[in-house]
Amino acid sequence: MFKVYPVRYNRRPGFFFWYLKKYLYIRHTAVMNIHFISPFSIDKNLGKAYNNTIKNLPITDWVCVMDYDAMLLDPGQVKRMYDYVYAYPNTHLFVSYGSRVKDGVPQQYLFGRKEQVATITEHINIARNLLAADNLSGALNVKQVNRSVAGFLMLFSVETWQRFPFDETRKCLTVDTNFSKRILQAGGKILLMESIYIWHTYRLLEGKKSIKHLL
C-alpha cells in the first residue's frame, strides 16, 4: 500500500537512507481521513454514483460507503473504524455486522440468523456492547472473509477503489457483491470488523425478496 518513489542519489553518503526514513515516517504518520458517503442515484446507476463521488477524494484517504437505509448506532464506531484502518492498513475491504442482512452472507450475521429485536434501543445496546468488549480486551478483532459480501457498509481506501472501480453496468443490483468478488479474485483481503454492528432497514416492511424499488 505504501509506495516509495525513486530519489536521485547525488549527495553525501547516507542521504538516500535519511530521505527514505523521512518519507516512510511521513507516509505512516500523515493524517488520513475516512469519508462517510451514501450516494443515491435517481436513474439507479449506483456504481456510477459511487465512482463519481469517490473520484474527487485524495488517494491517501479511505471511504466508508453506506446504503441510504443503513445507520451507525454509536459515535464510537467512527473512531473504531479509524483504529481498524491503522491496525490493518493492507486490507482492501472492511465490512461489518448488520441488523438485517441478505441471505447468503452468513459471515455478517451477528447471532446466527437472528435479525430482529424489539426496539432500536436494543440495537444500540448491541452495538455498544461490542465496542465495550473490544475496549476491555484491548484487541481489534477481525474475521477473514473469503466470499462476496453484503455491502450495506464497505470501508476501503481510495487506492483500492482506483484498482477496482465500481461496475456501472449493473444498476443497483449486485454492485457490492461484484466489487467484493473482484477483490477476492485478485487475491485481495476482506476483513469483518467484529466490533462494528449497524442498523440496516433492508426491506423491513416489504420483505427481503422485494426488489421492485431497485429495478
N, C-alpha and C. Protein backbone atom coordinates (compact mmCIF):
# COMPACT_ATOMS: atom_id res chain seq x y z
N MET A 1 0.83 -1.20 0.00
CA MET A 1 0.00 0.00 0.00
C MET A 1 0.86 1.25 0.00
N PHE A 2 1.98 1.22 0.70
CA PHE A 2 2.83 2.39 0.75
C PHE A 2 3.83 2.33 -0.39
N LYS A 3 3.87 3.36 -1.22
CA LYS A 3 4.75 3.39 -2.38
C LYS A 3 5.97 4.25 -2.09
N VAL A 4 7.11 3.80 -2.53
CA VAL A 4 8.35 4.56 -2.39
C VAL A 4 8.81 4.98 -3.76
N TYR A 5 8.98 6.26 -3.97
CA TYR A 5 9.37 6.76 -5.27
C TYR A 5 10.89 6.94 -5.32
N PRO A 6 11.51 6.71 -6.47
CA PRO A 6 12.97 6.78 -6.58
C PRO A 6 13.50 8.19 -6.32
N VAL A 7 14.65 8.24 -5.72
CA VAL A 7 15.31 9.52 -5.43
C VAL A 7 16.69 9.48 -6.08
N ARG A 8 17.06 10.54 -6.77
CA ARG A 8 18.39 10.60 -7.38
C ARG A 8 19.43 10.72 -6.28
N TYR A 9 20.34 9.76 -6.27
CA TYR A 9 21.36 9.73 -5.22
C TYR A 9 22.55 10.57 -5.67
N ASN A 10 22.57 11.82 -5.24
CA ASN A 10 23.65 12.71 -5.69
C ASN A 10 24.20 13.55 -4.55
N ARG A 11 23.99 13.08 -3.32
CA ARG A 11 24.51 13.84 -2.19
C ARG A 11 25.42 12.96 -1.35
N ARG A 12 25.71 13.44 -0.17
CA ARG A 12 26.66 12.74 0.69
C ARG A 12 26.16 11.33 1.00
N PRO A 13 27.07 10.41 1.36
CA PRO A 13 26.66 9.05 1.72
C PRO A 13 25.65 9.08 2.87
N GLY A 14 24.67 8.26 2.77
CA GLY A 14 23.64 8.20 3.81
C GLY A 14 22.44 9.07 3.52
N PHE A 15 22.55 9.98 2.53
CA PHE A 15 21.42 10.86 2.26
C PHE A 15 20.20 10.07 1.81
N PHE A 16 20.42 9.10 0.94
CA PHE A 16 19.28 8.33 0.42
C PHE A 16 18.52 7.66 1.55
N PHE A 17 19.25 7.07 2.50
CA PHE A 17 18.60 6.36 3.59
C PHE A 17 17.91 7.33 4.55
N TRP A 18 18.49 8.51 4.72
CA TRP A 18 17.83 9.54 5.54
C TRP A 18 16.51 9.95 4.88
N TYR A 19 16.54 10.15 3.55
CA TYR A 19 15.35 10.56 2.83
C TYR A 19 14.29 9.46 2.90
N LEU A 20 14.71 8.21 2.71
CA LEU A 20 13.77 7.10 2.74
C LEU A 20 13.10 6.99 4.10
N LYS A 21 13.88 7.10 5.17
CA LYS A 21 13.33 7.03 6.52
C LYS A 21 12.34 8.16 6.76
N LYS A 22 12.69 9.37 6.31
CA LYS A 22 11.82 10.53 6.49
C LYS A 22 10.53 10.36 5.69
N TYR A 23 10.67 9.83 4.45
CA TYR A 23 9.50 9.65 3.59
C TYR A 23 8.53 8.64 4.19
N LEU A 24 9.08 7.51 4.65
CA LEU A 24 8.22 6.48 5.21
C LEU A 24 7.56 6.97 6.50
N TYR A 25 8.28 7.77 7.29
CA TYR A 25 7.69 8.32 8.51
C TYR A 25 6.50 9.20 8.18
N ILE A 26 6.66 10.05 7.17
CA ILE A 26 5.57 10.94 6.77
C ILE A 26 4.38 10.13 6.28
N ARG A 27 4.64 9.08 5.46
CA ARG A 27 3.56 8.27 4.92
C ARG A 27 2.78 7.58 6.03
N HIS A 28 3.48 7.12 7.06
CA HIS A 28 2.82 6.37 8.11
C HIS A 28 2.13 7.27 9.13
N THR A 29 2.58 8.51 9.24
CA THR A 29 2.02 9.39 10.27
C THR A 29 1.15 10.50 9.68
N ALA A 30 1.04 10.55 8.35
CA ALA A 30 0.22 11.58 7.73
C ALA A 30 -1.24 11.40 8.14
N VAL A 31 -1.95 12.51 8.24
CA VAL A 31 -3.35 12.47 8.61
C VAL A 31 -4.14 11.78 7.51
N MET A 32 -4.90 10.78 7.89
CA MET A 32 -5.73 10.04 6.96
C MET A 32 -7.19 10.30 7.32
N ASN A 33 -8.01 10.58 6.34
CA ASN A 33 -9.43 10.82 6.57
C ASN A 33 -10.26 9.67 6.04
N ILE A 34 -11.33 9.35 6.77
CA ILE A 34 -12.35 8.43 6.26
C ILE A 34 -13.55 9.27 5.87
N HIS A 35 -13.94 9.19 4.62
CA HIS A 35 -15.11 9.93 4.12
C HIS A 35 -16.32 9.01 4.16
N PHE A 36 -17.35 9.42 4.90
CA PHE A 36 -18.57 8.63 5.01
C PHE A 36 -19.57 9.14 3.97
N ILE A 37 -19.95 8.27 3.05
CA ILE A 37 -20.81 8.69 1.94
C ILE A 37 -21.96 7.70 1.76
N SER A 38 -23.08 8.22 1.29
CA SER A 38 -24.24 7.38 0.95
C SER A 38 -24.83 7.89 -0.35
N PRO A 39 -24.12 7.70 -1.47
CA PRO A 39 -24.62 8.20 -2.76
C PRO A 39 -25.96 7.56 -3.13
N PHE A 40 -26.79 8.35 -3.77
CA PHE A 40 -28.09 7.85 -4.24
C PHE A 40 -28.22 8.24 -5.71
N SER A 41 -28.78 7.35 -6.49
CA SER A 41 -28.89 7.59 -7.93
C SER A 41 -30.35 7.52 -8.36
N ILE A 42 -30.87 8.63 -8.88
CA ILE A 42 -32.24 8.65 -9.37
C ILE A 42 -32.43 7.67 -10.53
N ASP A 43 -31.41 7.57 -11.39
CA ASP A 43 -31.51 6.64 -12.52
C ASP A 43 -31.06 5.23 -12.14
N LYS A 44 -30.79 5.02 -10.85
CA LYS A 44 -30.48 3.71 -10.28
C LYS A 44 -29.18 3.12 -10.81
N ASN A 45 -28.26 3.98 -11.25
CA ASN A 45 -26.92 3.53 -11.61
C ASN A 45 -26.03 3.77 -10.40
N LEU A 46 -26.09 2.84 -9.45
CA LEU A 46 -25.41 3.04 -8.18
C LEU A 46 -23.89 3.03 -8.33
N GLY A 47 -23.38 2.17 -9.22
CA GLY A 47 -21.94 2.12 -9.44
C GLY A 47 -21.40 3.45 -9.92
N LYS A 48 -22.14 4.10 -10.83
CA LYS A 48 -21.72 5.40 -11.35
C LYS A 48 -21.77 6.45 -10.25
N ALA A 49 -22.79 6.41 -9.41
CA ALA A 49 -22.90 7.37 -8.30
C ALA A 49 -21.73 7.22 -7.34
N TYR A 50 -21.36 5.98 -7.03
CA TYR A 50 -20.20 5.74 -6.17
C TYR A 50 -18.93 6.30 -6.81
N ASN A 51 -18.71 5.95 -8.07
CA ASN A 51 -17.49 6.36 -8.77
C ASN A 51 -17.38 7.88 -8.86
N ASN A 52 -18.48 8.55 -9.16
CA ASN A 52 -18.45 10.00 -9.32
C ASN A 52 -18.14 10.71 -8.01
N THR A 53 -18.52 10.11 -6.90
CA THR A 53 -18.23 10.71 -5.60
C THR A 53 -16.79 10.44 -5.17
N ILE A 54 -16.33 9.21 -5.34
CA ILE A 54 -15.01 8.81 -4.83
C ILE A 54 -13.88 9.40 -5.66
N LYS A 55 -14.12 9.65 -6.95
CA LYS A 55 -13.03 10.12 -7.82
C LYS A 55 -12.48 11.48 -7.40
N ASN A 56 -13.20 12.21 -6.60
CA ASN A 56 -12.76 13.54 -6.16
C ASN A 56 -11.99 13.51 -4.84
N LEU A 57 -11.79 12.33 -4.27
CA LEU A 57 -11.16 12.22 -2.96
C LEU A 57 -9.66 11.99 -3.09
N PRO A 58 -8.87 12.44 -2.10
CA PRO A 58 -7.41 12.21 -2.13
C PRO A 58 -7.08 10.73 -2.09
N ILE A 59 -6.04 10.34 -2.80
CA ILE A 59 -5.68 8.92 -2.90
C ILE A 59 -5.24 8.35 -1.56
N THR A 60 -4.79 9.19 -0.64
CA THR A 60 -4.34 8.70 0.67
C THR A 60 -5.48 8.46 1.64
N ASP A 61 -6.70 8.85 1.26
CA ASP A 61 -7.84 8.73 2.17
C ASP A 61 -8.58 7.41 1.98
N TRP A 62 -9.53 7.19 2.88
CA TRP A 62 -10.38 6.00 2.84
C TRP A 62 -11.84 6.43 2.69
N VAL A 63 -12.67 5.49 2.32
CA VAL A 63 -14.09 5.77 2.09
C VAL A 63 -14.92 4.73 2.83
N CYS A 64 -15.96 5.18 3.51
CA CYS A 64 -16.95 4.27 4.09
C CYS A 64 -18.25 4.51 3.34
N VAL A 65 -18.60 3.56 2.47
CA VAL A 65 -19.83 3.66 1.69
C VAL A 65 -20.93 2.93 2.46
N MET A 66 -22.03 3.64 2.72
CA MET A 66 -23.16 3.02 3.42
C MET A 66 -24.42 3.15 2.58
N ASP A 67 -25.27 2.12 2.64
CA ASP A 67 -26.57 2.21 1.99
C ASP A 67 -27.37 3.34 2.61
N TYR A 68 -28.29 3.88 1.83
CA TYR A 68 -29.09 5.00 2.35
C TYR A 68 -30.03 4.57 3.48
N ASP A 69 -30.26 3.25 3.63
CA ASP A 69 -31.11 2.75 4.72
C ASP A 69 -30.28 2.13 5.84
N ALA A 70 -29.00 2.49 5.92
CA ALA A 70 -28.11 1.99 6.98
C ALA A 70 -27.72 3.14 7.89
N MET A 71 -27.40 2.82 9.15
CA MET A 71 -27.13 3.87 10.13
C MET A 71 -26.17 3.35 11.20
N LEU A 72 -25.15 4.16 11.53
CA LEU A 72 -24.29 3.85 12.67
C LEU A 72 -25.10 4.00 13.95
N LEU A 73 -24.72 3.25 14.98
CA LEU A 73 -25.51 3.23 16.21
C LEU A 73 -24.81 3.83 17.42
N ASP A 74 -23.55 4.24 17.25
CA ASP A 74 -22.83 4.86 18.36
C ASP A 74 -21.69 5.70 17.78
N PRO A 75 -21.45 6.91 18.32
CA PRO A 75 -20.36 7.75 17.80
C PRO A 75 -19.00 7.07 17.88
N GLY A 76 -18.82 6.17 18.84
CA GLY A 76 -17.55 5.49 18.98
C GLY A 76 -17.21 4.58 17.82
N GLN A 77 -18.20 4.26 17.00
CA GLN A 77 -17.94 3.39 15.85
C GLN A 77 -17.07 4.08 14.80
N VAL A 78 -17.16 5.39 14.72
CA VAL A 78 -16.33 6.12 13.76
C VAL A 78 -14.86 5.99 14.16
N LYS A 79 -14.54 6.30 15.40
CA LYS A 79 -13.16 6.17 15.87
C LYS A 79 -12.66 4.74 15.73
N ARG A 80 -13.54 3.78 16.01
CA ARG A 80 -13.13 2.38 15.92
C ARG A 80 -12.75 2.00 14.49
N MET A 81 -13.43 2.58 13.51
CA MET A 81 -13.07 2.28 12.12
C MET A 81 -11.70 2.86 11.77
N TYR A 82 -11.41 4.04 12.30
CA TYR A 82 -10.05 4.57 12.13
C TYR A 82 -9.03 3.61 12.74
N ASP A 83 -9.34 3.06 13.91
CA ASP A 83 -8.44 2.12 14.57
C ASP A 83 -8.20 0.89 13.68
N TYR A 84 -9.25 0.39 13.08
CA TYR A 84 -9.11 -0.78 12.20
C TYR A 84 -8.20 -0.47 11.01
N VAL A 85 -8.40 0.70 10.42
CA VAL A 85 -7.59 1.06 9.25
C VAL A 85 -6.12 1.15 9.63
N TYR A 86 -5.82 1.78 10.76
CA TYR A 86 -4.43 1.90 11.18
C TYR A 86 -3.84 0.55 11.59
N ALA A 87 -4.67 -0.33 12.15
CA ALA A 87 -4.18 -1.64 12.60
C ALA A 87 -3.99 -2.61 11.45
N TYR A 88 -4.82 -2.49 10.41
CA TYR A 88 -4.76 -3.41 9.27
C TYR A 88 -4.71 -2.62 7.96
N PRO A 89 -3.63 -1.87 7.74
CA PRO A 89 -3.59 -0.94 6.60
C PRO A 89 -3.55 -1.62 5.24
N ASN A 90 -3.19 -2.89 5.18
CA ASN A 90 -3.10 -3.58 3.91
C ASN A 90 -4.39 -4.29 3.52
N THR A 91 -5.45 -4.03 4.26
CA THR A 91 -6.75 -4.61 3.94
C THR A 91 -7.39 -3.87 2.77
N HIS A 92 -7.96 -4.62 1.86
CA HIS A 92 -8.59 -3.99 0.70
C HIS A 92 -10.04 -3.59 0.97
N LEU A 93 -10.71 -4.33 1.86
CA LEU A 93 -12.11 -4.03 2.15
C LEU A 93 -12.47 -4.50 3.55
N PHE A 94 -13.06 -3.60 4.33
CA PHE A 94 -13.64 -3.95 5.63
C PHE A 94 -15.16 -3.96 5.50
N VAL A 95 -15.81 -4.89 6.21
CA VAL A 95 -17.27 -4.91 6.29
C VAL A 95 -17.67 -5.07 7.75
N SER A 96 -18.98 -5.02 8.02
CA SER A 96 -19.45 -5.06 9.39
C SER A 96 -20.65 -6.00 9.53
N TYR A 97 -21.06 -6.19 10.79
CA TYR A 97 -22.32 -6.85 11.07
C TYR A 97 -23.48 -5.88 10.81
N GLY A 98 -24.67 -6.43 10.53
CA GLY A 98 -25.84 -5.59 10.34
C GLY A 98 -27.06 -6.18 11.00
N SER A 99 -28.03 -5.33 11.31
CA SER A 99 -29.25 -5.80 11.97
C SER A 99 -30.09 -6.69 11.05
N ARG A 100 -30.07 -6.40 9.75
CA ARG A 100 -30.72 -7.25 8.75
C ARG A 100 -29.76 -7.40 7.58
N VAL A 101 -29.55 -8.64 7.17
CA VAL A 101 -28.58 -8.93 6.12
C VAL A 101 -29.22 -9.88 5.13
N LYS A 102 -28.88 -9.72 3.86
CA LYS A 102 -29.46 -10.59 2.84
C LYS A 102 -29.02 -12.03 3.05
N ASP A 103 -29.81 -12.95 2.56
CA ASP A 103 -29.48 -14.36 2.64
C ASP A 103 -28.21 -14.64 1.83
N GLY A 104 -27.42 -15.58 2.29
CA GLY A 104 -26.24 -15.97 1.54
C GLY A 104 -24.94 -15.37 2.00
N VAL A 105 -25.00 -14.53 3.04
CA VAL A 105 -23.76 -13.95 3.58
C VAL A 105 -23.72 -14.18 5.10
N PRO A 106 -23.67 -15.43 5.54
CA PRO A 106 -23.75 -15.72 6.98
C PRO A 106 -22.63 -15.10 7.79
N GLN A 107 -21.50 -14.75 7.13
CA GLN A 107 -20.39 -14.15 7.88
C GLN A 107 -20.76 -12.80 8.48
N GLN A 108 -21.86 -12.20 8.00
CA GLN A 108 -22.25 -10.89 8.51
C GLN A 108 -23.49 -10.94 9.42
N TYR A 109 -23.94 -12.17 9.75
CA TYR A 109 -24.98 -12.33 10.77
C TYR A 109 -24.30 -12.34 12.12
N LEU A 110 -24.76 -11.52 13.03
CA LEU A 110 -24.12 -11.45 14.34
C LEU A 110 -24.50 -12.63 15.22
N PHE A 111 -25.77 -12.95 15.31
CA PHE A 111 -26.23 -14.03 16.18
C PHE A 111 -26.82 -15.15 15.33
N GLY A 112 -25.98 -15.78 14.56
CA GLY A 112 -26.51 -16.79 13.67
C GLY A 112 -27.42 -16.13 12.65
N ARG A 113 -28.70 -16.47 12.69
CA ARG A 113 -29.66 -15.86 11.77
C ARG A 113 -30.59 -14.88 12.48
N LYS A 114 -30.30 -14.54 13.73
CA LYS A 114 -31.16 -13.60 14.44
C LYS A 114 -31.05 -12.24 13.78
N GLU A 115 -32.19 -11.64 13.40
CA GLU A 115 -32.15 -10.38 12.66
C GLU A 115 -32.96 -9.28 13.30
N GLN A 116 -33.98 -9.63 14.04
CA GLN A 116 -34.86 -8.59 14.57
C GLN A 116 -34.95 -8.67 16.08
N VAL A 117 -34.81 -7.54 16.73
CA VAL A 117 -35.09 -7.41 18.16
C VAL A 117 -36.14 -6.31 18.31
N ALA A 118 -36.63 -6.14 19.50
CA ALA A 118 -37.86 -5.37 19.67
C ALA A 118 -37.72 -3.88 19.36
N THR A 119 -36.66 -3.24 19.81
CA THR A 119 -36.59 -1.78 19.70
C THR A 119 -35.22 -1.33 19.20
N ILE A 120 -35.17 -0.09 18.73
CA ILE A 120 -33.89 0.48 18.31
C ILE A 120 -32.93 0.58 19.48
N THR A 121 -33.47 0.72 20.69
CA THR A 121 -32.64 0.78 21.88
C THR A 121 -31.82 -0.50 22.04
N GLU A 122 -32.45 -1.63 21.75
CA GLU A 122 -31.74 -2.90 21.86
C GLU A 122 -30.62 -3.00 20.82
N HIS A 123 -30.87 -2.48 19.63
CA HIS A 123 -29.82 -2.48 18.61
C HIS A 123 -28.64 -1.60 19.05
N ILE A 124 -28.95 -0.45 19.63
CA ILE A 124 -27.89 0.44 20.13
C ILE A 124 -27.08 -0.27 21.21
N ASN A 125 -27.76 -0.97 22.11
CA ASN A 125 -27.05 -1.68 23.17
C ASN A 125 -26.15 -2.78 22.61
N ILE A 126 -26.62 -3.47 21.57
CA ILE A 126 -25.78 -4.49 20.93
C ILE A 126 -24.50 -3.85 20.40
N ALA A 127 -24.67 -2.72 19.70
CA ALA A 127 -23.52 -2.02 19.12
C ALA A 127 -22.55 -1.58 20.21
N ARG A 128 -23.07 -1.01 21.29
CA ARG A 128 -22.21 -0.51 22.37
C ARG A 128 -21.52 -1.65 23.10
N ASN A 129 -22.21 -2.77 23.27
CA ASN A 129 -21.60 -3.91 23.95
C ASN A 129 -20.42 -4.47 23.15
N LEU A 130 -20.55 -4.49 21.83
CA LEU A 130 -19.44 -4.96 21.00
C LEU A 130 -18.24 -4.03 21.12
N LEU A 131 -18.49 -2.72 21.11
CA LEU A 131 -17.40 -1.76 21.28
C LEU A 131 -16.74 -1.93 22.64
N ALA A 132 -17.56 -2.09 23.67
CA ALA A 132 -17.04 -2.22 25.03
C ALA A 132 -16.21 -3.49 25.20
N ALA A 133 -16.64 -4.57 24.56
CA ALA A 133 -15.90 -5.84 24.67
C ALA A 133 -14.49 -5.70 24.10
N ASP A 134 -14.38 -5.03 22.96
CA ASP A 134 -13.05 -4.81 22.38
C ASP A 134 -12.22 -3.86 23.24
N ASN A 135 -12.88 -2.87 23.85
CA ASN A 135 -12.15 -1.94 24.72
C ASN A 135 -11.55 -2.68 25.91
N LEU A 136 -12.30 -3.62 26.46
CA LEU A 136 -11.83 -4.37 27.61
C LEU A 136 -10.68 -5.30 27.25
N SER A 137 -10.79 -5.93 26.10
CA SER A 137 -9.76 -6.89 25.70
C SER A 137 -8.52 -6.21 25.12
N GLY A 138 -8.68 -4.95 24.68
CA GLY A 138 -7.58 -4.26 24.05
C GLY A 138 -7.28 -4.76 22.65
N ALA A 139 -8.21 -5.53 22.10
CA ALA A 139 -8.00 -6.12 20.77
C ALA A 139 -8.89 -5.44 19.74
N LEU A 140 -8.48 -5.59 18.51
CA LEU A 140 -9.32 -5.19 17.38
C LEU A 140 -9.61 -6.46 16.60
N ASN A 141 -10.65 -7.16 17.02
CA ASN A 141 -10.92 -8.47 16.47
C ASN A 141 -11.49 -8.39 15.06
N VAL A 142 -11.00 -9.27 14.19
CA VAL A 142 -11.46 -9.35 12.81
C VAL A 142 -11.65 -10.80 12.42
N LYS A 143 -12.42 -10.99 11.36
CA LYS A 143 -12.54 -12.31 10.73
C LYS A 143 -12.23 -12.17 9.25
N GLN A 144 -11.48 -13.12 8.73
CA GLN A 144 -11.20 -13.13 7.30
C GLN A 144 -12.47 -13.54 6.56
N VAL A 145 -12.78 -12.82 5.48
CA VAL A 145 -13.96 -13.12 4.66
C VAL A 145 -13.47 -13.62 3.31
N ASN A 146 -13.95 -14.79 2.92
CA ASN A 146 -13.49 -15.41 1.69
C ASN A 146 -14.60 -15.60 0.67
N ARG A 147 -15.66 -14.81 0.80
CA ARG A 147 -16.76 -14.86 -0.15
C ARG A 147 -17.32 -13.47 -0.33
N SER A 148 -18.16 -13.29 -1.33
CA SER A 148 -18.72 -11.97 -1.59
C SER A 148 -19.53 -11.49 -0.39
N VAL A 149 -19.70 -10.18 -0.28
CA VAL A 149 -20.28 -9.58 0.93
C VAL A 149 -21.57 -8.84 0.62
N ALA A 150 -22.28 -8.52 1.69
CA ALA A 150 -23.39 -7.58 1.62
C ALA A 150 -22.82 -6.20 1.90
N GLY A 151 -23.03 -5.28 0.97
CA GLY A 151 -22.33 -4.01 1.04
C GLY A 151 -23.08 -2.87 1.68
N PHE A 152 -23.86 -3.15 2.72
CA PHE A 152 -24.55 -2.05 3.40
C PHE A 152 -23.56 -1.13 4.09
N LEU A 153 -22.37 -1.64 4.42
CA LEU A 153 -21.25 -0.82 4.89
C LEU A 153 -19.98 -1.42 4.30
N MET A 154 -19.26 -0.62 3.52
CA MET A 154 -17.99 -1.05 2.94
C MET A 154 -16.95 0.04 3.18
N LEU A 155 -15.87 -0.35 3.81
CA LEU A 155 -14.78 0.59 4.14
C LEU A 155 -13.54 0.17 3.36
N PHE A 156 -13.03 1.08 2.54
CA PHE A 156 -11.88 0.76 1.70
C PHE A 156 -11.12 2.03 1.36
N SER A 157 -9.89 1.86 0.90
CA SER A 157 -9.07 3.01 0.55
C SER A 157 -9.41 3.50 -0.85
N VAL A 158 -9.13 4.78 -1.10
CA VAL A 158 -9.31 5.31 -2.46
C VAL A 158 -8.36 4.58 -3.41
N GLU A 159 -7.22 4.18 -2.89
CA GLU A 159 -6.27 3.42 -3.70
C GLU A 159 -6.87 2.09 -4.14
N THR A 160 -7.59 1.42 -3.24
CA THR A 160 -8.29 0.18 -3.62
C THR A 160 -9.33 0.46 -4.68
N TRP A 161 -10.09 1.53 -4.50
CA TRP A 161 -11.12 1.88 -5.49
C TRP A 161 -10.52 2.14 -6.87
N GLN A 162 -9.36 2.78 -6.91
CA GLN A 162 -8.72 3.03 -8.21
C GLN A 162 -8.41 1.73 -8.92
N ARG A 163 -8.10 0.71 -8.16
CA ARG A 163 -7.81 -0.60 -8.75
C ARG A 163 -9.09 -1.35 -9.10
N PHE A 164 -10.14 -1.16 -8.30
CA PHE A 164 -11.40 -1.88 -8.50
C PHE A 164 -12.57 -0.89 -8.53
N PRO A 165 -12.67 -0.04 -9.54
CA PRO A 165 -13.81 0.88 -9.60
C PRO A 165 -15.12 0.10 -9.71
N PHE A 166 -16.19 0.73 -9.26
CA PHE A 166 -17.48 0.06 -9.28
C PHE A 166 -18.00 -0.11 -10.71
N ASP A 167 -18.64 -1.23 -10.94
CA ASP A 167 -19.22 -1.54 -12.24
C ASP A 167 -20.43 -0.63 -12.48
N GLU A 168 -20.45 0.06 -13.61
CA GLU A 168 -21.54 0.99 -13.92
C GLU A 168 -22.57 0.37 -14.85
N THR A 169 -22.53 -0.93 -15.04
CA THR A 169 -23.50 -1.60 -15.92
C THR A 169 -24.53 -2.41 -15.16
N ARG A 170 -24.47 -2.40 -13.83
CA ARG A 170 -25.31 -3.28 -13.03
C ARG A 170 -26.47 -2.59 -12.34
N LYS A 171 -26.69 -1.32 -12.59
CA LYS A 171 -27.73 -0.57 -11.88
C LYS A 171 -27.50 -0.71 -10.37
N CYS A 172 -28.55 -1.05 -9.60
CA CYS A 172 -28.39 -1.17 -8.15
C CYS A 172 -28.03 -2.59 -7.72
N LEU A 173 -28.46 -3.56 -8.50
CA LEU A 173 -28.31 -4.95 -8.10
C LEU A 173 -26.88 -5.46 -8.28
N THR A 174 -26.37 -6.13 -7.27
CA THR A 174 -25.07 -6.82 -7.26
C THR A 174 -23.85 -5.90 -7.41
N VAL A 175 -24.03 -4.60 -7.28
CA VAL A 175 -22.86 -3.71 -7.36
C VAL A 175 -21.87 -4.02 -6.24
N ASP A 176 -22.37 -4.26 -5.04
CA ASP A 176 -21.50 -4.54 -3.90
C ASP A 176 -20.86 -5.93 -4.00
N THR A 177 -21.65 -6.94 -4.38
CA THR A 177 -21.09 -8.28 -4.48
C THR A 177 -20.05 -8.37 -5.59
N ASN A 178 -20.30 -7.69 -6.69
CA ASN A 178 -19.33 -7.69 -7.79
C ASN A 178 -18.02 -7.04 -7.36
N PHE A 179 -18.11 -5.95 -6.61
CA PHE A 179 -16.93 -5.25 -6.10
C PHE A 179 -16.10 -6.18 -5.23
N SER A 180 -16.75 -6.87 -4.29
CA SER A 180 -16.02 -7.74 -3.38
C SER A 180 -15.48 -8.98 -4.09
N LYS A 181 -16.21 -9.50 -5.07
CA LYS A 181 -15.73 -10.67 -5.82
C LYS A 181 -14.46 -10.36 -6.58
N ARG A 182 -14.41 -9.18 -7.20
CA ARG A 182 -13.21 -8.82 -7.96
C ARG A 182 -12.00 -8.65 -7.04
N ILE A 183 -12.23 -8.13 -5.84
CA ILE A 183 -11.14 -8.01 -4.88
C ILE A 183 -10.61 -9.39 -4.51
N LEU A 184 -11.51 -10.32 -4.21
CA LEU A 184 -11.08 -11.67 -3.83
C LEU A 184 -10.40 -12.39 -4.99
N GLN A 185 -10.93 -12.24 -6.18
CA GLN A 185 -10.34 -12.91 -7.34
C GLN A 185 -8.92 -12.42 -7.62
N ALA A 186 -8.63 -11.18 -7.24
CA ALA A 186 -7.29 -10.62 -7.44
C ALA A 186 -6.36 -10.92 -6.26
N GLY A 187 -6.84 -11.71 -5.30
CA GLY A 187 -6.01 -12.04 -4.15
C GLY A 187 -6.06 -11.01 -3.04
N GLY A 188 -7.06 -10.10 -3.07
CA GLY A 188 -7.18 -9.07 -2.05
C GLY A 188 -7.72 -9.60 -0.73
N LYS A 189 -7.61 -8.78 0.30
CA LYS A 189 -8.02 -9.18 1.65
C LYS A 189 -9.29 -8.44 2.06
N ILE A 190 -10.28 -9.22 2.54
CA ILE A 190 -11.51 -8.65 3.09
C ILE A 190 -11.61 -9.08 4.55
N LEU A 191 -11.83 -8.12 5.43
CA LEU A 191 -11.94 -8.41 6.86
C LEU A 191 -13.28 -7.90 7.40
N LEU A 192 -13.87 -8.70 8.29
CA LEU A 192 -15.07 -8.29 9.02
C LEU A 192 -14.64 -7.65 10.32
N MET A 193 -15.08 -6.43 10.57
CA MET A 193 -14.79 -5.72 11.82
C MET A 193 -15.77 -6.23 12.88
N GLU A 194 -15.27 -7.02 13.81
CA GLU A 194 -16.16 -7.72 14.73
C GLU A 194 -16.75 -6.82 15.81
N SER A 195 -16.27 -5.61 15.95
CA SER A 195 -16.87 -4.72 16.96
C SER A 195 -17.77 -3.66 16.33
N ILE A 196 -18.09 -3.81 15.05
CA ILE A 196 -18.97 -2.85 14.38
C ILE A 196 -20.28 -3.54 13.98
N TYR A 197 -21.36 -3.07 14.55
CA TYR A 197 -22.71 -3.56 14.27
C TYR A 197 -23.58 -2.35 13.98
N ILE A 198 -24.25 -2.32 12.84
CA ILE A 198 -25.04 -1.15 12.47
C ILE A 198 -26.49 -1.53 12.15
N TRP A 199 -27.32 -0.52 12.15
CA TRP A 199 -28.72 -0.70 11.74
C TRP A 199 -28.80 -0.76 10.22
N HIS A 200 -29.59 -1.71 9.71
CA HIS A 200 -29.85 -1.81 8.28
C HIS A 200 -31.33 -2.15 8.10
N THR A 201 -32.10 -1.20 7.59
CA THR A 201 -33.54 -1.41 7.43
C THR A 201 -33.82 -2.58 6.49
N TYR A 202 -33.19 -2.60 5.36
CA TYR A 202 -33.22 -3.69 4.39
C TYR A 202 -34.61 -4.31 4.19
N ARG A 203 -35.49 -3.53 3.59
CA ARG A 203 -36.82 -4.02 3.20
C ARG A 203 -37.58 -4.63 4.39
N LEU A 204 -37.51 -3.94 5.51
CA LEU A 204 -38.11 -4.45 6.75
C LEU A 204 -39.60 -4.70 6.61
N LEU A 205 -40.30 -3.81 5.92
CA LEU A 205 -41.76 -3.96 5.77
C LEU A 205 -42.12 -4.77 4.53
N GLU A 206 -41.33 -4.64 3.48
CA GLU A 206 -41.67 -5.29 2.21
C GLU A 206 -41.23 -6.74 2.15
N GLY A 207 -40.21 -7.11 2.92
CA GLY A 207 -39.64 -8.44 2.85
C GLY A 207 -38.37 -8.44 2.02
N LYS A 208 -37.45 -9.33 2.33
CA LYS A 208 -36.13 -9.34 1.70
C LYS A 208 -36.18 -9.57 0.20
N LYS A 209 -37.19 -10.30 -0.26
CA LYS A 209 -37.23 -10.66 -1.67
C LYS A 209 -37.79 -9.55 -2.56
N SER A 210 -38.26 -8.47 -1.97
CA SER A 210 -38.82 -7.37 -2.76
C SER A 210 -37.69 -6.52 -3.35
N ILE A 211 -37.62 -6.48 -4.68
CA ILE A 211 -36.56 -5.70 -5.35
C ILE A 211 -37.12 -4.70 -6.36
N LYS A 212 -38.43 -4.48 -6.34
CA LYS A 212 -39.03 -3.60 -7.34
C LYS A 212 -38.49 -2.17 -7.26
N HIS A 213 -38.07 -1.76 -6.07
CA HIS A 213 -37.53 -0.39 -5.92
C HIS A 213 -36.13 -0.27 -6.50
N LEU A 214 -35.50 -1.40 -6.83
CA LEU A 214 -34.14 -1.38 -7.37
C LEU A 214 -34.11 -1.49 -8.89
N LEU A 215 -35.23 -1.82 -9.49
CA LEU A 215 -35.26 -2.08 -10.93
C LEU A 215 -35.59 -0.84 -11.73
